[in-house]
């Protein structure tokens, strides 16, 4: 069995399997679909772009 999560960032919303998880997602948040084979296909990396190459943000 293969599980394919459906994850996207649309109109400022983070949506997973058709459910809005976060609203008001900033425009600098980027979504990169994962690639690979395994039990879970369709994973993703969610990150953010910054104007300075040495910007660091730590989230608890």
N, C-alpha and C. Protein backbone atom coordinates (compact mmCIF):
# COMPACT_ATOMS: atom_id res chain seq x y z
N UNK A 1 0.85 -1.18 0.00
CA UNK A 1 0.00 0.00 0.00
C UNK A 1 0.89 1.24 0.00
N UNK A 2 0.54 2.22 -0.80
CA UNK A 2 1.26 3.48 -0.87
C UNK A 2 0.34 4.60 -0.41
N UNK A 3 0.84 5.46 0.46
CA UNK A 3 0.08 6.61 0.94
C UNK A 3 0.62 7.84 0.24
N UNK A 4 -0.26 8.62 -0.41
CA UNK A 4 0.16 9.82 -1.12
C UNK A 4 -0.48 11.04 -0.48
N UNK A 5 0.25 11.76 0.37
CA UNK A 5 -0.33 12.95 0.98
C UNK A 5 -0.50 14.05 -0.05
N UNK A 6 -1.55 14.82 0.08
CA UNK A 6 -1.81 15.94 -0.81
C UNK A 6 -1.59 17.22 -0.01
N UNK A 7 -0.47 17.88 -0.27
CA UNK A 7 -0.06 19.06 0.49
C UNK A 7 0.16 20.20 -0.49
N UNK A 8 -0.35 21.39 -0.15
CA UNK A 8 -0.13 22.55 -1.02
C UNK A 8 -0.23 23.83 -0.21
N UNK A 9 0.33 24.90 -0.78
CA UNK A 9 0.16 26.25 -0.24
C UNK A 9 -0.56 27.03 -1.33
N UNK A 10 -1.81 27.42 -1.04
CA UNK A 10 -2.64 28.13 -2.01
C UNK A 10 -3.31 29.32 -1.35
N UNK A 11 -3.24 30.46 -2.00
CA UNK A 11 -3.93 31.67 -1.51
C UNK A 11 -3.64 31.95 -0.04
N UNK A 12 -2.40 31.73 0.38
CA UNK A 12 -2.02 32.01 1.76
C UNK A 12 -2.47 30.96 2.76
N UNK A 13 -2.87 29.77 2.28
CA UNK A 13 -3.30 28.70 3.16
C UNK A 13 -2.46 27.45 2.93
N UNK A 14 -2.07 26.79 4.03
CA UNK A 14 -1.41 25.49 3.94
C UNK A 14 -2.52 24.45 4.02
N UNK A 15 -2.66 23.66 2.96
CA UNK A 15 -3.76 22.70 2.84
C UNK A 15 -3.19 21.29 2.76
N UNK A 16 -3.72 20.39 3.60
CA UNK A 16 -3.32 18.99 3.60
C UNK A 16 -4.58 18.15 3.45
N UNK A 17 -4.61 17.33 2.42
CA UNK A 17 -5.77 16.47 2.13
C UNK A 17 -7.07 17.27 2.12
N UNK A 18 -7.04 18.47 1.54
CA UNK A 18 -8.24 19.28 1.41
C UNK A 18 -8.63 20.05 2.67
N UNK A 19 -7.88 19.92 3.74
CA UNK A 19 -8.17 20.62 5.00
C UNK A 19 -7.16 21.74 5.20
N UNK A 20 -7.64 22.94 5.51
CA UNK A 20 -6.74 24.06 5.78
C UNK A 20 -6.11 23.87 7.15
N UNK A 21 -4.78 23.78 7.16
CA UNK A 21 -4.03 23.58 8.40
C UNK A 21 -3.57 24.92 8.97
N UNK A 22 -3.09 25.82 8.10
CA UNK A 22 -2.65 27.16 8.51
C UNK A 22 -3.22 28.19 7.56
N UNK A 23 -3.65 29.31 8.12
CA UNK A 23 -4.11 30.44 7.32
C UNK A 23 -3.12 31.58 7.47
N UNK A 24 -3.08 32.47 6.49
CA UNK A 24 -2.19 33.62 6.57
C UNK A 24 -0.73 33.27 6.40
N UNK A 25 -0.45 32.24 5.61
CA UNK A 25 0.93 31.83 5.37
C UNK A 25 1.62 32.93 4.56
N UNK A 26 2.76 33.46 5.03
CA UNK A 26 3.45 34.55 4.32
C UNK A 26 3.90 34.12 2.92
N UNK A 27 4.08 35.10 2.05
CA UNK A 27 4.48 34.82 0.67
C UNK A 27 5.88 34.23 0.55
N UNK A 28 6.73 34.42 1.57
CA UNK A 28 8.08 33.88 1.49
C UNK A 28 8.15 32.40 1.87
N UNK A 29 7.03 31.80 2.25
CA UNK A 29 7.01 30.38 2.55
C UNK A 29 6.97 29.62 1.23
N UNK A 30 7.87 28.65 1.10
CA UNK A 30 7.96 27.87 -0.13
C UNK A 30 7.65 26.41 0.15
N UNK A 31 7.11 25.76 -0.85
CA UNK A 31 6.71 24.37 -0.76
C UNK A 31 7.41 23.61 -1.87
N UNK A 32 8.17 22.58 -1.52
CA UNK A 32 8.87 21.78 -2.51
C UNK A 32 8.45 20.33 -2.36
N UNK A 33 7.76 19.79 -3.35
CA UNK A 33 7.34 18.38 -3.27
C UNK A 33 8.56 17.47 -3.19
N UNK A 34 8.45 16.44 -2.37
CA UNK A 34 9.53 15.47 -2.25
C UNK A 34 9.49 14.50 -3.41
N UNK A 35 10.61 13.87 -3.66
CA UNK A 35 10.65 12.84 -4.68
C UNK A 35 11.34 11.63 -4.08
N UNK A 36 10.86 10.50 -4.41
CA UNK A 36 11.46 9.29 -3.89
C UNK A 36 10.44 8.18 -3.86
N UNK A 37 10.92 7.02 -3.55
CA UNK A 37 10.06 5.84 -3.50
C UNK A 37 10.03 5.32 -2.08
N UNK A 38 8.94 4.74 -1.72
CA UNK A 38 8.80 4.18 -0.39
C UNK A 38 7.33 4.05 -0.04
N UNK A 39 7.06 3.78 1.22
CA UNK A 39 5.67 3.65 1.65
C UNK A 39 4.90 4.96 1.54
N UNK A 40 5.59 6.06 1.79
CA UNK A 40 4.93 7.36 1.71
C UNK A 40 5.53 8.14 0.55
N UNK A 41 4.75 8.37 -0.48
CA UNK A 41 5.17 9.17 -1.62
C UNK A 41 4.44 10.50 -1.56
N UNK A 42 5.03 11.53 -2.09
CA UNK A 42 4.34 12.81 -2.13
C UNK A 42 4.57 13.67 -0.91
N UNK A 43 5.58 13.37 -0.11
CA UNK A 43 5.91 14.23 1.01
C UNK A 43 6.43 15.57 0.50
N UNK A 44 6.76 16.46 1.41
CA UNK A 44 7.19 17.78 0.97
C UNK A 44 8.10 18.43 2.00
N UNK A 45 8.89 19.40 1.50
CA UNK A 45 9.68 20.28 2.36
C UNK A 45 8.99 21.63 2.36
N UNK A 46 8.74 22.17 3.52
CA UNK A 46 8.16 23.50 3.64
C UNK A 46 9.19 24.37 4.33
N UNK A 47 9.60 25.43 3.66
CA UNK A 47 10.63 26.32 4.18
C UNK A 47 10.26 27.77 3.89
N UNK A 48 11.23 28.64 4.02
CA UNK A 48 10.99 30.06 3.77
C UNK A 48 12.22 30.67 3.11
N UNK A 49 11.98 31.64 2.26
CA UNK A 49 13.07 32.38 1.65
C UNK A 49 13.36 33.61 2.51
N UNK A 50 14.58 34.12 2.43
CA UNK A 50 14.96 35.30 3.20
C UNK A 50 15.79 36.23 2.31
N UNK A 51 15.75 37.51 2.63
CA UNK A 51 16.49 38.48 1.83
C UNK A 51 18.00 38.42 2.08
N UNK A 52 18.41 37.90 3.24
CA UNK A 52 19.82 37.79 3.58
C UNK A 52 20.20 36.32 3.62
N UNK A 53 21.32 35.98 3.02
CA UNK A 53 21.74 34.58 2.96
C UNK A 53 22.06 34.00 4.34
N UNK A 54 22.35 34.85 5.31
CA UNK A 54 22.68 34.35 6.64
C UNK A 54 21.54 34.53 7.62
N UNK A 55 20.33 34.72 7.12
CA UNK A 55 19.17 34.84 8.00
C UNK A 55 18.93 33.51 8.71
N UNK A 56 18.57 33.57 9.98
CA UNK A 56 18.31 32.38 10.75
C UNK A 56 17.08 32.61 11.60
N UNK A 57 16.13 31.73 11.48
CA UNK A 57 14.92 31.79 12.29
C UNK A 57 14.77 30.44 12.98
N UNK A 58 14.60 30.45 14.28
CA UNK A 58 14.45 29.23 15.05
C UNK A 58 13.05 29.21 15.61
N UNK A 59 12.37 28.09 15.39
CA UNK A 59 11.00 27.93 15.89
C UNK A 59 11.01 26.86 16.97
N UNK A 60 10.32 27.12 18.08
CA UNK A 60 10.30 26.11 19.15
C UNK A 60 9.51 24.89 18.76
